[in-house]
Amino acid sequence: MAKVRTTHRGLAEELTPAVEELVSSLQASELECLTVQAITEHRRLLEIAEEAYEAMMRAESHGGEPGQYREPYVRAMLNNKAQLALVNLLVERLGYLPEVEK
């Protein structure tokens, strides 16, 4: 069975109608707030993915079994990628990249 590879663009194209429907009634200030929250969540998920990756690499470098860390890493990356697609859609809809506190 052949693997189907979905790109960020392909995922965004599939999500766009649903996201558009949800955000179409929002005021610009509400959309900006939602976008900032989505960016903040993306950053949080990225940190989780980085920590999972580092744990996997530490286990491998110390002769341990990195396999037990692989599933949490994959799960974290999937969550991160899905959130990134949402961030891209919201920023595109908003028309600019809002300022986000670090």
N, C-alpha and C. Protein backbone atom coordinates (compact mmCIF):
# COMPACT_ATOMS: atom_id res chain seq x y z
N MET A 1 0.84 -1.16 0.00
CA MET A 1 0.00 0.00 0.00
C MET A 1 0.89 1.24 0.00
N ALA A 2 0.61 2.17 -0.88
CA ALA A 2 1.41 3.39 -0.99
C ALA A 2 1.04 4.37 0.11
N LYS A 3 2.05 5.05 0.62
CA LYS A 3 1.81 6.07 1.62
C LYS A 3 1.33 7.34 0.94
N VAL A 4 0.39 8.01 1.55
CA VAL A 4 -0.08 9.30 1.05
C VAL A 4 0.55 10.36 1.93
N ARG A 5 1.29 11.23 1.30
CA ARG A 5 1.96 12.29 2.05
C ARG A 5 1.17 13.58 1.89
N THR A 6 0.69 14.09 3.00
CA THR A 6 -0.04 15.34 2.98
C THR A 6 0.91 16.46 3.37
N THR A 7 1.00 17.47 2.54
CA THR A 7 1.85 18.61 2.84
C THR A 7 1.09 19.59 3.71
N HIS A 8 1.82 20.56 4.25
CA HIS A 8 1.16 21.63 5.00
C HIS A 8 0.13 22.31 4.12
N ARG A 9 0.49 22.54 2.87
CA ARG A 9 -0.42 23.19 1.95
C ARG A 9 -1.67 22.34 1.75
N GLY A 10 -1.50 21.03 1.56
CA GLY A 10 -2.64 20.15 1.37
C GLY A 10 -3.54 20.13 2.59
N LEU A 11 -2.94 20.08 3.77
CA LEU A 11 -3.71 20.10 5.00
C LEU A 11 -4.45 21.43 5.13
N ALA A 12 -3.76 22.51 4.83
CA ALA A 12 -4.38 23.83 4.92
C ALA A 12 -5.55 23.95 3.95
N GLU A 13 -5.40 23.40 2.75
CA GLU A 13 -6.49 23.45 1.77
C GLU A 13 -7.71 22.68 2.26
N GLU A 14 -7.48 21.60 2.98
CA GLU A 14 -8.59 20.83 3.52
C GLU A 14 -9.24 21.53 4.71
N LEU A 15 -8.44 22.21 5.51
CA LEU A 15 -8.96 22.88 6.69
C LEU A 15 -9.57 24.25 6.40
N THR A 16 -9.14 24.88 5.33
CA THR A 16 -9.54 26.25 5.05
C THR A 16 -11.05 26.47 5.10
N PRO A 17 -11.87 25.68 4.41
CA PRO A 17 -13.31 25.94 4.46
C PRO A 17 -13.89 25.87 5.88
N ALA A 18 -13.45 24.91 6.66
CA ALA A 18 -13.95 24.77 8.03
C ALA A 18 -13.51 25.96 8.89
N VAL A 19 -12.24 26.36 8.76
CA VAL A 19 -11.74 27.48 9.54
C VAL A 19 -12.43 28.77 9.10
N GLU A 20 -12.57 28.96 7.80
CA GLU A 20 -13.24 30.16 7.29
C GLU A 20 -14.65 30.27 7.85
N GLU A 21 -15.35 29.16 7.89
CA GLU A 21 -16.72 29.18 8.42
C GLU A 21 -16.72 29.59 9.89
N LEU A 22 -15.76 29.08 10.65
CA LEU A 22 -15.71 29.38 12.07
C LEU A 22 -15.30 30.81 12.37
N VAL A 23 -14.39 31.37 11.58
CA VAL A 23 -13.87 32.71 11.89
C VAL A 23 -14.54 33.82 11.09
N SER A 24 -15.41 33.47 10.16
CA SER A 24 -16.01 34.49 9.28
C SER A 24 -16.81 35.54 10.05
N SER A 25 -17.38 35.18 11.17
CA SER A 25 -18.20 36.14 11.92
C SER A 25 -17.41 36.91 12.97
N LEU A 26 -16.13 36.63 13.09
CA LEU A 26 -15.33 37.30 14.12
C LEU A 26 -14.94 38.71 13.69
N GLN A 27 -14.90 39.60 14.68
CA GLN A 27 -14.36 40.93 14.47
C GLN A 27 -12.83 40.80 14.32
N ALA A 28 -12.20 41.81 13.73
CA ALA A 28 -10.76 41.77 13.52
C ALA A 28 -10.02 41.60 14.85
N SER A 29 -10.48 42.26 15.89
CA SER A 29 -9.81 42.15 17.20
C SER A 29 -9.95 40.74 17.77
N GLU A 30 -11.09 40.11 17.55
CA GLU A 30 -11.29 38.74 18.02
C GLU A 30 -10.40 37.77 17.24
N LEU A 31 -10.30 37.98 15.93
CA LEU A 31 -9.45 37.14 15.10
C LEU A 31 -7.99 37.29 15.50
N GLU A 32 -7.58 38.52 15.80
CA GLU A 32 -6.20 38.74 16.24
C GLU A 32 -5.93 38.03 17.56
N CYS A 33 -6.86 38.12 18.48
CA CYS A 33 -6.71 37.44 19.79
C CYS A 33 -6.62 35.93 19.59
N LEU A 34 -7.48 35.39 18.76
CA LEU A 34 -7.47 33.96 18.47
C LEU A 34 -6.15 33.54 17.83
N THR A 35 -5.64 34.38 16.94
CA THR A 35 -4.37 34.08 16.26
C THR A 35 -3.22 34.09 17.26
N VAL A 36 -3.20 35.07 18.15
CA VAL A 36 -2.16 35.13 19.18
C VAL A 36 -2.21 33.89 20.06
N GLN A 37 -3.41 33.48 20.44
CA GLN A 37 -3.56 32.27 21.26
C GLN A 37 -3.07 31.04 20.51
N ALA A 38 -3.35 30.96 19.21
CA ALA A 38 -2.91 29.82 18.40
C ALA A 38 -1.39 29.80 18.29
N ILE A 39 -0.78 30.97 18.14
CA ILE A 39 0.69 31.04 18.07
C ILE A 39 1.31 30.63 19.40
N THR A 40 0.73 31.09 20.48
CA THR A 40 1.22 30.72 21.81
C THR A 40 1.12 29.21 22.03
N GLU A 41 0.00 28.63 21.60
CA GLU A 41 -0.17 27.17 21.72
C GLU A 41 0.83 26.43 20.85
N HIS A 42 1.09 26.95 19.65
CA HIS A 42 2.09 26.34 18.77
C HIS A 42 3.46 26.32 19.45
N ARG A 43 3.82 27.41 20.06
CA ARG A 43 5.11 27.49 20.76
C ARG A 43 5.17 26.46 21.89
N ARG A 44 4.07 26.32 22.64
CA ARG A 44 4.02 25.35 23.74
C ARG A 44 4.19 23.93 23.20
N LEU A 45 3.49 23.62 22.13
CA LEU A 45 3.58 22.29 21.53
C LEU A 45 4.97 22.03 20.95
N LEU A 46 5.58 23.06 20.42
CA LEU A 46 6.94 22.92 19.90
C LEU A 46 7.92 22.59 21.02
N GLU A 47 7.76 23.23 22.16
CA GLU A 47 8.62 22.93 23.32
C GLU A 47 8.46 21.47 23.74
N ILE A 48 7.22 20.99 23.77
CA ILE A 48 6.97 19.59 24.14
C ILE A 48 7.65 18.66 23.14
N ALA A 49 7.54 18.96 21.86
CA ALA A 49 8.16 18.13 20.83
C ALA A 49 9.68 18.15 20.97
N GLU A 50 10.25 19.31 21.24
CA GLU A 50 11.70 19.40 21.40
C GLU A 50 12.17 18.60 22.62
N GLU A 51 11.42 18.67 23.71
CA GLU A 51 11.78 17.90 24.91
C GLU A 51 11.69 16.41 24.64
N ALA A 52 10.66 15.98 23.92
CA ALA A 52 10.51 14.56 23.59
C ALA A 52 11.66 14.10 22.69
N TYR A 53 12.05 14.94 21.74
CA TYR A 53 13.16 14.61 20.85
C TYR A 53 14.46 14.49 21.63
N GLU A 54 14.70 15.44 22.52
CA GLU A 54 15.92 15.41 23.33
C GLU A 54 15.97 14.17 24.21
N ALA A 55 14.83 13.77 24.79
CA ALA A 55 14.78 12.56 25.61
C ALA A 55 15.12 11.34 24.76
N MET A 56 14.60 11.30 23.55
CA MET A 56 14.86 10.18 22.65
C MET A 56 16.35 10.13 22.29
N MET A 57 16.94 11.28 22.01
CA MET A 57 18.36 11.33 21.64
C MET A 57 19.25 11.01 22.84
N ARG A 58 18.87 11.46 24.04
CA ARG A 58 19.66 11.12 25.24
C ARG A 58 19.67 9.61 25.46
N ALA A 59 18.51 9.00 25.32
CA ALA A 59 18.43 7.55 25.51
C ALA A 59 19.32 6.84 24.50
N GLU A 60 19.28 7.30 23.27
CA GLU A 60 20.09 6.67 22.23
C GLU A 60 21.58 6.87 22.49
N SER A 61 21.97 8.07 22.91
CA SER A 61 23.40 8.34 23.12
C SER A 61 23.95 7.65 24.36
N HIS A 62 23.09 7.28 25.29
CA HIS A 62 23.54 6.59 26.50
C HIS A 62 23.35 5.08 26.40
N GLY A 63 23.15 4.61 25.18
CA GLY A 63 23.03 3.17 24.97
C GLY A 63 21.69 2.60 25.39
N GLY A 64 20.75 3.47 25.67
CA GLY A 64 19.43 3.01 26.06
C GLY A 64 18.56 2.72 24.85
N GLU A 65 17.32 2.47 25.11
CA GLU A 65 16.36 2.16 24.05
C GLU A 65 15.53 3.41 23.77
N PRO A 66 15.78 4.07 22.65
CA PRO A 66 15.03 5.27 22.33
C PRO A 66 13.59 4.99 21.91
N GLY A 67 13.27 3.73 21.66
CA GLY A 67 11.94 3.37 21.18
C GLY A 67 10.82 3.81 22.10
N GLN A 68 11.04 3.77 23.41
CA GLN A 68 9.98 4.17 24.33
C GLN A 68 9.69 5.66 24.25
N TYR A 69 10.61 6.43 23.67
CA TYR A 69 10.42 7.87 23.54
C TYR A 69 9.90 8.26 22.15
N ARG A 70 9.92 7.32 21.24
CA ARG A 70 9.53 7.62 19.86
C ARG A 70 8.05 8.00 19.75
N GLU A 71 7.17 7.24 20.39
CA GLU A 71 5.74 7.51 20.30
C GLU A 71 5.38 8.88 20.88
N PRO A 72 5.89 9.24 22.06
CA PRO A 72 5.61 10.60 22.57
C PRO A 72 6.14 11.69 21.64
N TYR A 73 7.31 11.45 21.04
CA TYR A 73 7.87 12.42 20.10
C TYR A 73 6.98 12.55 18.87
N VAL A 74 6.57 11.44 18.30
CA VAL A 74 5.71 11.48 17.11
C VAL A 74 4.39 12.17 17.43
N ARG A 75 3.80 11.84 18.55
CA ARG A 75 2.54 12.46 18.96
C ARG A 75 2.72 13.97 19.11
N ALA A 76 3.80 14.37 19.75
CA ALA A 76 4.06 15.80 19.94
C ALA A 76 4.27 16.51 18.61
N MET A 77 4.97 15.88 17.69
CA MET A 77 5.19 16.49 16.38
C MET A 77 3.89 16.59 15.58
N LEU A 78 3.05 15.59 15.67
CA LEU A 78 1.77 15.65 14.97
C LEU A 78 0.90 16.78 15.50
N ASN A 79 0.84 16.91 16.81
CA ASN A 79 0.09 18.01 17.42
C ASN A 79 0.65 19.35 16.98
N ASN A 80 1.97 19.45 16.98
CA ASN A 80 2.63 20.68 16.59
C ASN A 80 2.34 21.03 15.13
N LYS A 81 2.42 20.04 14.24
CA LYS A 81 2.19 20.30 12.82
C LYS A 81 0.75 20.72 12.56
N ALA A 82 -0.20 20.09 13.25
CA ALA A 82 -1.60 20.46 13.08
C ALA A 82 -1.83 21.90 13.57
N GLN A 83 -1.22 22.24 14.69
CA GLN A 83 -1.37 23.60 15.21
C GLN A 83 -0.72 24.60 14.28
N LEU A 84 0.41 24.25 13.68
CA LEU A 84 1.08 25.14 12.74
C LEU A 84 0.20 25.42 11.53
N ALA A 85 -0.50 24.40 11.04
CA ALA A 85 -1.41 24.60 9.91
C ALA A 85 -2.51 25.59 10.30
N LEU A 86 -3.03 25.47 11.51
CA LEU A 86 -4.05 26.40 11.99
C LEU A 86 -3.49 27.82 12.10
N VAL A 87 -2.30 27.95 12.65
CA VAL A 87 -1.66 29.27 12.77
C VAL A 87 -1.51 29.89 11.39
N ASN A 88 -1.03 29.13 10.42
CA ASN A 88 -0.86 29.66 9.07
C ASN A 88 -2.18 30.16 8.50
N LEU A 89 -3.25 29.39 8.69
CA LEU A 89 -4.55 29.80 8.19
C LEU A 89 -5.04 31.08 8.87
N LEU A 90 -4.89 31.14 10.18
CA LEU A 90 -5.36 32.33 10.90
C LEU A 90 -4.55 33.57 10.54
N VAL A 91 -3.24 33.43 10.42
CA VAL A 91 -2.40 34.57 10.03
C VAL A 91 -2.77 35.03 8.63
N GLU A 92 -2.99 34.09 7.74
CA GLU A 92 -3.39 34.45 6.37
C GLU A 92 -4.72 35.19 6.38
N ARG A 93 -5.67 34.69 7.15
CA ARG A 93 -7.00 35.32 7.23
C ARG A 93 -6.89 36.70 7.86
N LEU A 94 -6.05 36.82 8.90
CA LEU A 94 -5.86 38.09 9.58
C LEU A 94 -5.17 39.11 8.67
N GLY A 95 -4.23 38.63 7.87
CA GLY A 95 -3.54 39.52 6.93
C GLY A 95 -2.21 40.04 7.42
N TYR A 96 -1.85 39.71 8.62
CA TYR A 96 -0.56 40.11 9.17
C TYR A 96 -0.22 39.21 10.35
N LEU A 97 1.04 39.25 10.73
CA LEU A 97 1.51 38.47 11.87
C LEU A 97 1.42 39.34 13.11
N PRO A 98 0.54 39.01 14.03
CA PRO A 98 0.40 39.86 15.22
C PRO A 98 1.60 39.72 16.15
N GLU A 99 1.78 40.77 16.96
CA GLU A 99 2.85 40.73 17.95
C GLU A 99 2.45 39.76 19.06
N VAL A 100 3.37 38.89 19.43
CA VAL A 100 3.10 37.89 20.47
C VAL A 100 4.21 37.99 21.51
N GLU A 101 3.81 38.08 22.78
CA GLU A 101 4.80 38.12 23.85
C GLU A 101 5.54 36.81 23.92
N LYS A 102 6.79 36.87 24.30
CA LYS A 102 7.59 35.65 24.40
C LYS A 102 7.49 35.02 25.72
